[in-house]
Amino acid sequence: MADQTKILAQECKSNLQQKELDKVAFIEEQRLLRTLGPKRWAEMRQLIKEQVDQFNLEKGHNVISWDDSHSYRISITRKEDGAKLEGGYEEQTKLAYFKSPKTAVNLRLTQVVRRNDVVFVTANSNTKAEFVNTAYDIAYGLIRDFLGR
């Protein structure tokens, strides 16, 4: 009986220690999301702008325009037909979104912590598996899809 009580006491102690570790990890994750989340959005937004500028430079004229100067939004217009790609970042929910009904672009990205950094992920709607997306891949893919449809 004493051995079982000893085992039970040890399990309780281990559970309490694990809960404390989980709490510390959660607090650190929230700190990283709060401090690095907006920074990662700003970096991705800048890469998207660079893709727009580079494409226009390659074409020799403005095929697409960068229409929004707000730091938490993106608005790009295709000159030939007026199609718009709009996006934004919701700092509170750590969500980035991009949509263009005319070109069928509809992307939602969530920020999560991976290896002490904040990254954007998408989830497979069937399997719920998360895929990490680099800022460059997102920027390039958005412009490619927006121009190609």
C-alpha atoms as a PDB file:
ATOM      1  CA  MET A   1       0.000   0.000   0.000  1.00  0.00           C
ATOM      2  CA  ALA A   2       2.817   2.442   0.843  1.00  0.00           C
ATOM      3  CA  ASP A   3       4.431   1.783  -2.557  1.00  0.00           C
ATOM      4  CA  GLN A   4       1.201   2.675  -4.359  1.00  0.00           C
ATOM      5  CA  THR A   5       0.859   5.865  -2.355  1.00  0.00           C
ATOM      6  CA  LYS A   6       4.462   6.739  -3.166  1.00  0.00           C
ATOM      7  CA  ILE A   7       3.806   6.140  -6.883  1.00  0.00           C
ATOM      8  CA  LEU A   8       0.643   8.245  -6.754  1.00  0.00           C
ATOM      9  CA  ALA A   9       2.495  11.084  -4.993  1.00  0.00           C
ATOM     10  CA  GLN A  10       5.262  10.954  -7.610  1.00  0.00           C
ATOM     11  CA  GLU A  11       2.687  11.058 -10.445  1.00  0.00           C
ATOM     12  CA  CYS A  12       1.011  14.090  -8.892  1.00  0.00           C
ATOM     13  CA  LYS A  13       4.359  15.830  -8.530  1.00  0.00           C
ATOM     14  CA  SER A  14       5.234  15.043 -12.160  1.00  0.00           C
ATOM     15  CA  ASN A  15       1.853  16.337 -13.348  1.00  0.00           C
ATOM     16  CA  LEU A  16       2.309  19.597 -11.451  1.00  0.00           C
ATOM     17  CA  GLN A  17       5.818  20.032 -12.874  1.00  0.00           C
ATOM     18  CA  GLN A  18       4.539  19.373 -16.396  1.00  0.00           C
ATOM     19  CA  LYS A  19       1.727  21.901 -15.965  1.00  0.00           C
ATOM     20  CA  GLU A  20       4.246  24.506 -14.840  1.00  0.00           C
ATOM     21  CA  LEU A  21       6.478  23.753 -17.843  1.00  0.00           C
ATOM     22  CA  ASP A  22       3.467  23.991 -20.174  1.00  0.00           C
ATOM     23  CA  LYS A  23       2.524  27.342 -18.648  1.00  0.00           C
ATOM     24  CA  VAL A  24       6.048  28.713 -19.140  1.00  0.00           C
ATOM     25  CA  ALA A  25       6.096  27.438 -22.747  1.00  0.00           C
ATOM     26  CA  PHE A  26       2.703  29.034 -23.446  1.00  0.00           C
ATOM     27  CA  ILE A  27       3.826  32.389 -22.047  1.00  0.00           C
ATOM     28  CA  GLU A  28       6.975  32.292 -24.186  1.00  0.00           C
ATOM     29  CA  GLU A  29       4.972  31.362 -27.281  1.00  0.00           C
ATOM     30  CA  GLN A  30       2.621  34.293 -26.710  1.00  0.00           C
ATOM     31  CA  ARG A  31       5.577  36.631 -26.250  1.00  0.00           C
ATOM     32  CA  LEU A  32       7.117  35.472 -29.543  1.00  0.00           C
ATOM     33  CA  LEU A  33       3.815  35.876 -31.391  1.00  0.00           C
ATOM     34  CA  ARG A  34       3.342  39.353 -29.930  1.00  0.00           C
ATOM     35  CA  THR A  35       6.856  40.553 -30.712  1.00  0.00           C
ATOM     36  CA  LEU A  36       7.763  38.677 -33.910  1.00  0.00           C
ATOM     37  CA  GLY A  37       4.291  38.307 -35.461  1.00  0.00           C
ATOM     38  CA  PRO A  38       3.952  41.876 -36.753  1.00  0.00           C
ATOM     39  CA  LYS A  39       7.600  41.874 -37.833  1.00  0.00           C
ATOM     40  CA  ARG A  40       7.096  38.725 -39.952  1.00  0.00           C
ATOM     41  CA  TRP A  41       4.004  40.302 -41.533  1.00  0.00           C
ATOM     42  CA  ALA A  42       5.958  43.470 -42.370  1.00  0.00           C
ATOM     43  CA  GLU A  43       8.721  41.369 -43.955  1.00  0.00           C
ATOM     44  CA  MET A  44       6.243  39.423 -46.068  1.00  0.00           C
ATOM     45  CA  ARG A  45       4.387  42.581 -47.070  1.00  0.00           C
ATOM     46  CA  GLN A  46       7.678  44.110 -48.189  1.00  0.00           C
ATOM     47  CA  LEU A  47       8.500  41.010 -50.246  1.00  0.00           C
ATOM     48  CA  ILE A  48       5.107  41.229 -51.964  1.00  0.00           C
ATOM     49  CA  LYS A  49       5.766  44.887 -52.797  1.00  0.00           C
ATOM     50  CA  GLU A  50       9.195  43.947 -54.146  1.00  0.00           C
ATOM     51  CA  GLN A  51       7.580  41.267 -56.352  1.00  0.00           C
ATOM     52  CA  VAL A  52       5.145  43.878 -57.721  1.00  0.00           C
ATOM     53  CA  ASP A  53       7.962  46.358 -58.388  1.00  0.00           C
ATOM     54  CA  GLN A  54      10.196  43.697 -59.966  1.00  0.00           C
ATOM     55  CA  PHE A  55       7.431  42.459 -62.255  1.00  0.00           C
ATOM     56  CA  ASN A  56       6.629  46.005 -63.402  1.00  0.00           C
ATOM     57  CA  LEU A  57      10.333  46.645 -63.986  1.00  0.00           C
ATOM     58  CA  GLU A  58      10.647  43.498 -66.095  1.00  0.00           C
ATOM     59  CA  LYS A  59       7.593  44.464 -68.163  1.00  0.00           C
ATOM     60  CA  GLY A  60       8.858  48.023 -68.633  1.00  0.00           C
ATOM     61  CA  HIS A  61       5.621  49.598 -67.410  1.00  0.00           C
ATOM     62  CA  ASN A  62       3.125  49.324 -64.551  1.00  0.00           C
ATOM     63  CA  VAL A  63       1.073  46.214 -65.177  1.00  0.00           C
ATOM     64  CA  ILE A  64      -0.008  46.074 -61.552  1.00  0.00           C
ATOM     65  CA  SER A  65      -0.210  48.893 -59.047  1.00  0.00           C
ATOM     66  CA  TRP A  66       0.446  48.934 -55.336  1.00  0.00           C
ATOM     67  CA  ASP A  67      -2.533  50.861 -53.971  1.00  0.00           C
ATOM     68  CA  ASP A  68      -2.326  50.751 -50.191  1.00  0.00           C
ATOM     69  CA  SER A  69       0.095  52.466 -47.862  1.00  0.00           C
ATOM     70  CA  HIS A  70      -1.427  51.096 -44.646  1.00  0.00           C
ATOM     71  CA  SER A  71       0.992  48.793 -42.871  1.00  0.00           C
ATOM     72  CA  TYR A  72      -1.628  46.136 -42.083  1.00  0.00           C
ATOM     73  CA  ARG A  73      -3.193  45.954 -45.547  1.00  0.00           C
ATOM     74  CA  ILE A  74      -2.344  45.199 -49.133  1.00  0.00           C
ATOM     75  CA  SER A  75      -4.239  46.296 -52.219  1.00  0.00           C
ATOM     76  CA  ILE A  76      -2.915  45.550 -55.684  1.00  0.00           C
ATOM     77  CA  THR A  77      -4.729  46.289 -58.951  1.00  0.00           C
ATOM     78  CA  ARG A  78      -4.192  44.695 -62.337  1.00  0.00           C
ATOM     79  CA  LYS A  79      -4.246  47.599 -64.825  1.00  0.00           C
ATOM     80  CA  GLU A  80      -5.633  45.677 -67.818  1.00  0.00           C
ATOM     81  CA  ASP A  81      -8.922  44.645 -66.243  1.00  0.00           C
ATOM     82  CA  GLY A  82      -9.094  46.276 -62.813  1.00  0.00           C
ATOM     83  CA  ALA A  83      -8.863  42.996 -60.899  1.00  0.00           C
ATOM     84  CA  LYS A  84      -7.895  43.587 -57.274  1.00  0.00           C
ATOM     85  CA  LEU A  85      -5.897  41.499 -54.829  1.00  0.00           C
ATOM     86  CA  GLU A  86      -6.535  42.600 -51.293  1.00  0.00           C
ATOM     87  CA  GLY A  87      -5.001  41.332 -48.134  1.00  0.00           C
ATOM     88  CA  GLY A  88      -4.391  42.158 -44.573  1.00  0.00           C
ATOM     89  CA  TYR A  89      -3.041  41.155 -41.221  1.00  0.00           C
ATOM     90  CA  GLU A  90      -5.073  40.827 -38.057  1.00  0.00           C
ATOM     91  CA  GLU A  91      -2.568  41.253 -35.271  1.00  0.00           C
ATOM     92  CA  GLN A  92      -4.943  40.094 -32.540  1.00  0.00           C
ATOM     93  CA  THR A  93      -5.710  36.745 -34.211  1.00  0.00           C
ATOM     94  CA  LYS A  94      -2.300  36.382 -35.949  1.00  0.00           C
ATOM     95  CA  LEU A  95      -4.049  35.817 -39.267  1.00  0.00           C
ATOM     96  CA  ALA A  96      -3.009  37.016 -42.725  1.00  0.00           C
ATOM     97  CA  TYR A  97      -5.466  36.819 -45.592  1.00  0.00           C
ATOM     98  CA  PHE A  98      -5.423  37.487 -49.322  1.00  0.00           C
ATOM     99  CA  LYS A  99      -8.417  37.483 -51.638  1.00  0.00           C
ATOM    100  CA  SER A 100      -9.262  38.339 -55.190  1.00  0.00           C
ATOM    101  CA  PRO A 101     -12.706  37.153 -56.263  1.00  0.00           C
ATOM    102  CA  LYS A 102     -12.028  37.897 -59.931  1.00  0.00           C
ATOM    103  CA  THR A 103      -8.905  35.711 -59.975  1.00  0.00           C
ATOM    104  CA  ALA A 104     -10.075  33.111 -57.431  1.00  0.00           C
ATOM    105  CA  VAL A 105      -7.229  33.867 -55.017  1.00  0.00           C
ATOM    106  CA  ASN A 106      -8.347  33.072 -51.485  1.00  0.00           C
ATOM    107  CA  LEU A 107      -5.584  32.403 -48.975  1.00  0.00           C
ATOM    108  CA  ARG A 108      -5.617  32.430 -45.187  1.00  0.00           C
ATOM    109  CA  LEU A 109      -2.417  32.026 -43.202  1.00  0.00           C
ATOM    110  CA  THR A 110      -2.015  31.663 -39.474  1.00  0.00           C
ATOM    111  CA  GLN A 111       1.089  32.570 -37.532  1.00  0.00           C
ATOM    112  CA  VAL A 112       2.507  29.927 -35.227  1.00  0.00           C
ATOM    113  CA  VAL A 113       5.733  29.459 -33.296  1.00  0.00           C
ATOM    114  CA  ARG A 114       8.218  26.963 -34.694  1.00  0.00           C
ATOM    115  CA  ARG A 115      11.730  26.611 -33.256  1.00  0.00           C
ATOM    116  CA  ASN A 116      11.642  29.960 -31.453  1.00  0.00           C
ATOM    117  CA  ASP A 117      10.489  31.818 -34.561  1.00  0.00           C
ATOM    118  CA  VAL A 118       7.127  32.877 -35.935  1.00  0.00           C
ATOM    119  CA  VAL A 119       6.077  31.437 -39.297  1.00  0.00           C
ATOM    120  CA  PHE A 120       2.984  31.461 -41.485  1.00  0.00           C
ATOM    121  CA  VAL A 121       1.156  28.170 -41.962  1.00  0.00           C
ATOM    122  CA  THR A 122      -1.755  26.946 -44.017  1.00  0.00           C
ATOM    123  CA  ALA A 123      -3.779  23.897 -43.114  1.00  0.00           C
ATOM    124  CA  ASN A 124      -4.931  21.207 -45.518  1.00  0.00           C
ATOM    125  CA  SER A 125      -8.724  21.363 -45.333  1.00  0.00           C
ATOM    126  CA  ASN A 126      -9.056  17.564 -45.477  1.00  0.00           C
ATOM    127  CA  THR A 127      -6.250  16.336 -43.243  1.00  0.00           C
ATOM    128  CA  LYS A 128      -5.751  19.479 -41.120  1.00  0.00           C
ATOM    129  CA  ALA A 129      -1.992  19.028 -41.639  1.00  0.00           C
ATOM    130  CA  GLU A 130      -0.106  22.311 -41.354  1.00  0.00           C
ATOM    131  CA  PHE A 131       2.334  23.485 -44.004  1.00  0.00           C
ATOM    132  CA  VAL A 132       4.935  26.156 -43.255  1.00  0.00           C
ATOM    133  CA  ASN A 133       5.153  28.806 -45.967  1.00  0.00           C
ATOM    134  CA  THR A 134       8.184  31.028 -46.398  1.00  0.00           C
ATOM    135  CA  ALA A 135       7.512  34.712 -46.913  1.00  0.00           C
ATOM    136  CA  TYR A 136       9.188  34.552 -50.327  1.00  0.00           C
ATOM    137  CA  ASP A 137       7.053  31.599 -51.454  1.00  0.00           C
ATOM    138  CA  ILE A 138       3.895  33.392 -50.346  1.00  0.00           C
ATOM    139  CA  ALA A 139       4.867  36.642 -52.089  1.00  0.00           C
ATOM    140  CA  TYR A 140       5.889  34.922 -55.315  1.00  0.00           C
ATOM    141  CA  GLY A 141       2.853  32.619 -55.319  1.00  0.00           C
ATOM    142  CA  LEU A 142       0.397  35.466 -54.765  1.00  0.00           C
ATOM    143  CA  ILE A 143       1.745  37.541 -57.640  1.00  0.00           C
ATOM    144  CA  ARG A 144       1.999  34.471 -59.896  1.00  0.00           C
ATOM    145  CA  ASP A 145      -1.593  33.442 -59.150  1.00  0.00           C
ATOM    146  CA  PHE A 146      -2.926  36.987 -59.383  1.00  0.00           C
ATOM    147  CA  LEU A 147      -1.336  37.590 -62.778  1.00  0.00           C
ATOM    148  CA  GLY A 148      -1.935  34.099 -64.171  1.00  0.00           C
ATOM    149  CA  ARG A 149      -5.699  33.900 -63.724  1.00  0.00           C
END
